[in-house]
């Protein structure tokens, strides 16, 4: 379980770093509003959850085959 929690936290932090630094550099600092930021953070959170669940399912299938 510790592995999946670390994958979840790592993917959230990586997503927030990319959202915080790369998007304003590509689009411009003034054009990113609060609503866009909140929607981006929610997408990162749910995407990280889905990625973590996929890792869990892959490991579960590997255990069943062996």
PDB file of N, CA and C in Angstrom:
ATOM      1  N   UNK A   1       0.822  -1.190   0.000  1.00  0.00           N
ATOM      2  CA  UNK A   1       0.000   0.000   0.000  1.00  0.00           C
ATOM      3  C   UNK A   1       0.868   1.257   0.000  1.00  0.00           C
ATOM      4  N   UNK A   2       2.027   1.144   0.628  1.00  0.00           N
ATOM      5  CA  UNK A   2       2.940   2.293   0.689  1.00  0.00           C
ATOM      6  C   UNK A   2       3.395   2.706  -0.708  1.00  0.00           C
ATOM      7  N   UNK A   3       3.585   1.726  -1.569  1.00  0.00           N
ATOM      8  CA  UNK A   3       4.021   2.004  -2.945  1.00  0.00           C
ATOM      9  C   UNK A   3       2.968   2.808  -3.703  1.00  0.00           C
ATOM     10  N   UNK A   4       1.716   2.451  -3.529  1.00  0.00           N
ATOM     11  CA  UNK A   4       0.643   3.124  -4.257  1.00  0.00           C
ATOM     12  C   UNK A   4       0.415   4.541  -3.740  1.00  0.00           C
ATOM     13  N   UNK A   5       0.581   4.743  -2.460  1.00  0.00           N
ATOM     14  CA  UNK A   5       0.466   6.095  -1.900  1.00  0.00           C
ATOM     15  C   UNK A   5       1.583   6.979  -2.433  1.00  0.00           C
ATOM     16  N   UNK A   6       2.788   6.439  -2.531  1.00  0.00           N
ATOM     17  CA  UNK A   6       3.896   7.237  -3.057  1.00  0.00           C
ATOM     18  C   UNK A   6       3.705   7.540  -4.544  1.00  0.00           C
ATOM     19  N   UNK A   7       3.158   6.601  -5.313  1.00  0.00           N
ATOM     20  CA  UNK A   7       2.861   6.864  -6.727  1.00  0.00           C
ATOM     21  C   UNK A   7       1.820   7.967  -6.840  1.00  0.00           C
ATOM     22  N   UNK A   8       0.794   7.919  -5.995  1.00  0.00           N
ATOM     23  CA  UNK A   8      -0.271   8.922  -6.012  1.00  0.00           C
ATOM     24  C   UNK A   8       0.277  10.310  -5.688  1.00  0.00           C
ATOM     25  N   UNK A   9       1.055  10.414  -4.628  1.00  0.00           N
ATOM     26  CA  UNK A   9       1.602  11.712  -4.219  1.00  0.00           C
ATOM     27  C   UNK A   9       2.597  12.229  -5.255  1.00  0.00           C
ATOM     28  N   UNK A  10       3.432  11.351  -5.782  1.00  0.00           N
ATOM     29  CA  UNK A  10       4.407  11.764  -6.793  1.00  0.00           C
ATOM     30  C   UNK A  10       3.730  12.270  -8.064  1.00  0.00           C
ATOM     31  N   UNK A  11       2.683  11.595  -8.495  1.00  0.00           N
ATOM     32  CA  UNK A  11       1.999  12.052  -9.709  1.00  0.00           C
ATOM     33  C   UNK A  11       1.250  13.359  -9.476  1.00  0.00           C
ATOM     34  N   UNK A  12       0.708  13.573  -8.279  1.00  0.00           N
ATOM     35  CA  UNK A  12       0.063  14.856  -7.973  1.00  0.00           C
ATOM     36  C   UNK A  12       1.092  15.974  -7.964  1.00  0.00           C
ATOM     37  N   UNK A  13       2.215  15.759  -7.300  1.00  0.00           N
ATOM     38  CA  UNK A  13       3.241  16.804  -7.233  1.00  0.00           C
ATOM     39  C   UNK A  13       3.811  17.118  -8.610  1.00  0.00           C
ATOM     40  N   UNK A  14       4.041  16.098  -9.412  1.00  0.00           N
ATOM     41  CA  UNK A  14       4.546  16.325 -10.762  1.00  0.00           C
ATOM     42  C   UNK A  14       3.537  17.100 -11.606  1.00  0.00           C
ATOM     43  N   UNK A  15       2.273  16.753 -11.479  1.00  0.00           N
ATOM     44  CA  UNK A  15       1.236  17.469 -12.214  1.00  0.00           C
ATOM     45  C   UNK A  15       1.108  18.916 -11.786  1.00  0.00           C
ATOM     46  N   UNK A  16       1.209  19.172 -10.481  1.00  0.00           N
ATOM     47  CA  UNK A  16       1.120  20.550  -9.992  1.00  0.00           C
ATOM     48  C   UNK A  16       2.312  21.384 -10.437  1.00  0.00           C
ATOM     49  N   UNK A  17       3.489  20.771 -10.464  1.00  0.00           N
ATOM     50  CA  UNK A  17       4.672  21.492 -10.942  1.00  0.00           C
ATOM     51  C   UNK A  17       4.512  21.839 -12.416  1.00  0.00           C
ATOM     52  N   UNK A  18       4.057  20.874 -13.199  1.00  0.00           N
ATOM     53  CA  UNK A  18       3.852  21.145 -14.622  1.00  0.00           C
ATOM     54  C   UNK A  18       2.765  22.187 -14.841  1.00  0.00           C
ATOM     55  N   UNK A  19       1.704  22.119 -14.062  1.00  0.00           N
ATOM     56  CA  UNK A  19       0.628  23.101 -14.187  1.00  0.00           C
ATOM     57  C   UNK A  19       1.095  24.477 -13.754  1.00  0.00           C
ATOM     58  N   UNK A  20       1.882  24.526 -12.704  1.00  0.00           N
ATOM     59  CA  UNK A  20       2.302  25.816 -12.164  1.00  0.00           C
ATOM     60  C   UNK A  20       3.366  26.527 -12.963  1.00  0.00           C
ATOM     61  N   UNK A  21       4.240  25.781 -13.626  1.00  0.00           N
ATOM     62  CA  UNK A  21       5.367  26.420 -14.303  1.00  0.00           C
ATOM     63  C   UNK A  21       5.281  26.392 -15.825  1.00  0.00           C
ATOM     64  N   UNK A  22       4.873  25.274 -16.399  1.00  0.00           N
ATOM     65  CA  UNK A  22       4.910  25.167 -17.852  1.00  0.00           C
ATOM     66  C   UNK A  22       3.737  25.854 -18.543  1.00  0.00           C
ATOM     67  N   UNK A  23       2.554  25.749 -17.977  1.00  0.00           N
ATOM     68  CA  UNK A  23       1.385  26.353 -18.621  1.00  0.00           C
ATOM     69  C   UNK A  23       1.501  27.872 -18.692  1.00  0.00           C
ATOM     70  N   UNK A  24       1.870  28.574 -17.612  1.00  0.00           N
ATOM     71  CA  UNK A  24       2.037  30.032 -17.755  1.00  0.00           C
ATOM     72  C   UNK A  24       3.150  30.419 -18.721  1.00  0.00           C
ATOM     73  N   UNK A  25       4.185  29.605 -18.843  1.00  0.00           N
ATOM     74  CA  UNK A  25       5.246  29.914 -19.796  1.00  0.00           C
ATOM     75  C   UNK A  25       4.769  29.765 -21.234  1.00  0.00           C
ATOM     76  N   UNK A  26       3.917  28.785 -21.480  1.00  0.00           N
ATOM     77  CA  UNK A  26       3.452  28.544 -22.840  1.00  0.00           C
ATOM     78  C   UNK A  26       2.311  29.486 -23.229  1.00  0.00           C
ATOM     79  N   UNK A  27       1.398  29.747 -22.316  1.00  0.00           N
ATOM     80  CA  UNK A  27       0.215  30.541 -22.639  1.00  0.00           C
ATOM     81  C   UNK A  27       0.411  32.010 -22.292  1.00  0.00           C
ATOM     82  N   UNK A  28       1.042  32.267 -21.177  1.00  0.00           N
ATOM     83  CA  UNK A  28       1.190  33.630 -20.684  1.00  0.00           C
ATOM     84  C   UNK A  28       0.685  33.700 -19.255  1.00  0.00           C
ATOM     85  N   UNK A  29       1.292  34.534 -18.460  1.00  0.00           N
ATOM     86  CA  UNK A  29       0.984  34.584 -17.036  1.00  0.00           C
ATOM     87  C   UNK A  29      -0.416  35.139 -16.785  1.00  0.00           C
ATOM     88  N   UNK A  30      -0.840  36.135 -17.522  1.00  0.00           N
ATOM     89  CA  UNK A  30      -2.104  36.798 -17.243  1.00  0.00           C
ATOM     90  C   UNK A  30      -3.324  36.022 -17.723  1.00  0.00           C
ATOM     91  N   UNK A  31      -3.145  35.105 -18.645  1.00  0.00           N
ATOM     92  CA  UNK A  31      -4.307  34.452 -19.242  1.00  0.00           C
ATOM     93  C   UNK A  31      -4.830  33.260 -18.441  1.00  0.00           C
ATOM     94  N   UNK A  32      -4.099  32.802 -17.429  1.00  0.00           N
ATOM     95  CA  UNK A  32      -4.551  31.662 -16.633  1.00  0.00           C
ATOM     96  C   UNK A  32      -5.334  32.202 -15.446  1.00  0.00           C
ATOM     97  N   UNK A  33      -6.648  31.937 -15.430  1.00  0.00           N
ATOM     98  CA  UNK A  33      -7.507  32.427 -14.369  1.00  0.00           C
ATOM     99  C   UNK A  33      -7.663  31.433 -13.242  1.00  0.00           C
ATOM    100  N   UNK A  34      -8.427  31.841 -12.230  1.00  0.00           N
ATOM    101  CA  UNK A  34      -8.645  30.976 -11.070  1.00  0.00           C
ATOM    102  C   UNK A  34      -9.440  29.733 -11.436  1.00  0.00           C
ATOM    103  N   UNK A  35     -10.454  29.900 -12.245  1.00  0.00           N
ATOM    104  CA  UNK A  35     -11.298  28.762 -12.613  1.00  0.00           C
ATOM    105  C   UNK A  35     -10.489  27.738 -13.406  1.00  0.00           C
ATOM    106  N   UNK A  36      -9.661  28.214 -14.299  1.00  0.00           N
ATOM    107  CA  UNK A  36      -8.820  27.300 -15.077  1.00  0.00           C
ATOM    108  C   UNK A  36      -7.846  26.547 -14.180  1.00  0.00           C
ATOM    109  N   UNK A  37      -7.303  27.234 -13.203  1.00  0.00           N
ATOM    110  CA  UNK A  37      -6.368  26.595 -12.276  1.00  0.00           C
ATOM    111  C   UNK A  37      -7.067  25.538 -11.436  1.00  0.00           C
ATOM    112  N   UNK A  38      -8.258  25.841 -10.939  1.00  0.00           N
ATOM    113  CA  UNK A  38      -9.002  24.878 -10.123  1.00  0.00           C
ATOM    114  C   UNK A  38      -9.385  23.657 -10.952  1.00  0.00           C
ATOM    115  N   UNK A  39      -9.840  23.874 -12.162  1.00  0.00           N
ATOM    116  CA  UNK A  39     -10.189  22.749 -13.040  1.00  0.00           C
ATOM    117  C   UNK A  39      -8.951  21.910 -13.351  1.00  0.00           C
ATOM    118  N   UNK A  40      -7.819  22.562 -13.561  1.00  0.00           N
ATOM    119  CA  UNK A  40      -6.574  21.837 -13.800  1.00  0.00           C
ATOM    120  C   UNK A  40      -6.149  21.004 -12.606  1.00  0.00           C
ATOM    121  N   UNK A  41      -6.282  21.567 -11.404  1.00  0.00           N
ATOM    122  CA  UNK A  41      -5.913  20.834 -10.188  1.00  0.00           C
ATOM    123  C   UNK A  41      -6.838  19.640  -9.985  1.00  0.00           C
ATOM    124  N   UNK A  42      -8.128  19.814 -10.243  1.00  0.00           N
ATOM    125  CA  UNK A  42      -9.058  18.689 -10.121  1.00  0.00           C
ATOM    126  C   UNK A  42      -8.750  17.591 -11.132  1.00  0.00           C
ATOM    127  N   UNK A  43      -8.415  17.973 -12.341  1.00  0.00           N
ATOM    128  CA  UNK A  43      -8.038  16.977 -13.357  1.00  0.00           C
ATOM    129  C   UNK A  43      -6.772  16.232 -12.954  1.00  0.00           C
ATOM    130  N   UNK A  44      -5.817  16.951 -12.386  1.00  0.00           N
ATOM    131  CA  UNK A  44      -4.582  16.316 -11.919  1.00  0.00           C
ATOM    132  C   UNK A  44      -4.881  15.337 -10.795  1.00  0.00           C
ATOM    133  N   UNK A  45      -5.747  15.727  -9.855  1.00  0.00           N
ATOM    134  CA  UNK A  45      -6.085  14.859  -8.732  1.00  0.00           C
ATOM    135  C   UNK A  45      -6.758  13.575  -9.212  1.00  0.00           C
ATOM    136  N   UNK A  46      -7.775  13.710 -10.059  1.00  0.00           N
ATOM    137  CA  UNK A  46      -8.481  12.523 -10.535  1.00  0.00           C
ATOM    138  C   UNK A  46      -7.613  11.683 -11.475  1.00  0.00           C
ATOM    139  N   UNK A  47      -6.800  12.326 -12.278  1.00  0.00           N
ATOM    140  CA  UNK A  47      -5.886  11.588 -13.139  1.00  0.00           C
ATOM    141  C   UNK A  47      -4.863  10.801 -12.338  1.00  0.00           C
ATOM    142  N   UNK A  48      -4.358  11.393 -11.267  1.00  0.00           N
ATOM    143  CA  UNK A  48      -3.412  10.691 -10.398  1.00  0.00           C
ATOM    144  C   UNK A  48      -4.073   9.498  -9.728  1.00  0.00           C
ATOM    145  N   UNK A  49      -5.323   9.664  -9.335  1.00  0.00           N
ATOM    146  CA  UNK A  49      -6.058   8.558  -8.727  1.00  0.00           C
ATOM    147  C   UNK A  49      -6.226   7.411  -9.718  1.00  0.00           C
ATOM    148  N   UNK A  50      -6.559   7.732 -10.954  1.00  0.00           N
ATOM    149  CA  UNK A  50      -6.737   6.701 -11.983  1.00  0.00           C
ATOM    150  C   UNK A  50      -5.415   6.004 -12.289  1.00  0.00           C
ATOM    151  N   UNK A  51      -4.329   6.754 -12.366  1.00  0.00           N
ATOM    152  CA  UNK A  51      -3.011   6.161 -12.613  1.00  0.00           C
ATOM    153  C   UNK A  51      -2.635   5.201 -11.495  1.00  0.00           C
ATOM    154  N   UNK A  52      -2.888   5.601 -10.249  1.00  0.00           N
ATOM    155  CA  UNK A  52      -2.577   4.741  -9.110  1.00  0.00           C
ATOM    156  C   UNK A  52      -3.419   3.473  -9.143  1.00  0.00           C
ATOM    157  N   UNK A  53      -4.689   3.597  -9.489  1.00  0.00           N
ATOM    158  CA  UNK A  53      -5.548   2.421  -9.578  1.00  0.00           C
ATOM    159  C   UNK A  53      -5.093   1.475 -10.689  1.00  0.00           C
ATOM    160  N   UNK A  54      -4.606   2.025 -11.791  1.00  0.00           N
ATOM    161  CA  UNK A  54      -4.096   1.177 -12.873  1.00  0.00           C
ATOM    162  C   UNK A  54      -2.865   0.392 -12.434  1.00  0.00           C
ATOM    163  N   UNK A  55      -1.971   1.030 -11.682  1.00  0.00           N
ATOM    164  CA  UNK A  55      -0.817   0.304 -11.151  1.00  0.00           C
ATOM    165  C   UNK A  55      -1.271  -0.821 -10.224  1.00  0.00           C
ATOM    166  N   UNK A  56      -2.275  -0.562  -9.397  1.00  0.00           N
ATOM    167  CA  UNK A  56      -2.790  -1.583  -8.487  1.00  0.00           C
ATOM    168  C   UNK A  56      -3.398  -2.753  -9.264  1.00  0.00           C
ATOM    169  N   UNK A  57      -4.170  -2.448 -10.290  1.00  0.00           N
ATOM    170  CA  UNK A  57      -4.803  -3.499 -11.090  1.00  0.00           C
ATOM    171  C   UNK A  57      -3.754  -4.325 -11.827  1.00  0.00           C
ATOM    172  N   UNK A  58      -2.729  -3.675 -12.365  1.00  0.00           N
ATOM    173  CA  UNK A  58      -1.659  -4.399 -13.054  1.00  0.00           C
ATOM    174  C   UNK A  58      -0.949  -5.343 -12.095  1.00  0.00           C
ATOM    175  N   UNK A  59      -0.640  -4.881 -10.891  1.00  0.00           N
ATOM    176  CA  UNK A  59       0.011  -5.749  -9.906  1.00  0.00           C
ATOM    177  C   UNK A  59      -0.907  -6.886  -9.473  1.00  0.00           C
ATOM    178  N   UNK A  60      -2.197  -6.610  -9.365  1.00  0.00           N
ATOM    179  CA  UNK A  60      -3.153  -7.642  -8.984  1.00  0.00           C
ATOM    180  C   UNK A  60      -3.237  -8.732 -10.050  1.00  0.00           C
ATOM    181  N   UNK A  61      -3.230  -8.344 -11.310  1.00  0.00           N
ATOM    182  CA  UNK A  61      -3.267  -9.318 -12.409  1.00  0.00           C
ATOM    183  C   UNK A  61      -1.974 -10.128 -12.452  1.00  0.00           C
ATOM    184  N   UNK A  62      -0.833  -9.476 -12.196  1.00  0.00           N
ATOM    185  CA  UNK A  62       0.444 -10.204 -12.171  1.00  0.00           C
ATOM    186  C   UNK A  62       0.461 -11.249 -11.062  1.00  0.00           C
ATOM    187  N   UNK A  63      -0.119 -10.924  -9.901  1.00  0.00           N
ATOM    188  CA  UNK A  63      -0.152 -11.879  -8.792  1.00  0.00           C
ATOM    189  C   UNK A  63      -1.060 -13.058  -9.108  1.00  0.00           C
ATOM    190  N   UNK A  64      -2.146 -12.812  -9.828  1.00  0.00           N
ATOM    191  CA  UNK A  64      -3.064 -13.900 -10.161  1.00  0.00           C
ATOM    192  C   UNK A  64      -2.460 -14.856 -11.184  1.00  0.00           C
ATOM    193  N   UNK A  65      -1.639 -14.346 -12.099  1.00  0.00           N
ATOM    194  CA  UNK A  65      -1.031 -15.193 -13.123  1.00  0.00           C
ATOM    195  C   UNK A  65       0.096 -16.052 -12.568  1.00  0.00           C
ATOM    196  N   UNK A  66       0.737 -15.592 -11.513  1.00  0.00           N
ATOM    197  CA  UNK A  66       1.865 -16.379 -10.985  1.00  0.00           C
ATOM    198  C   UNK A  66       1.498 -17.176  -9.758  1.00  0.00           C
TER     199      UNK A  66
END
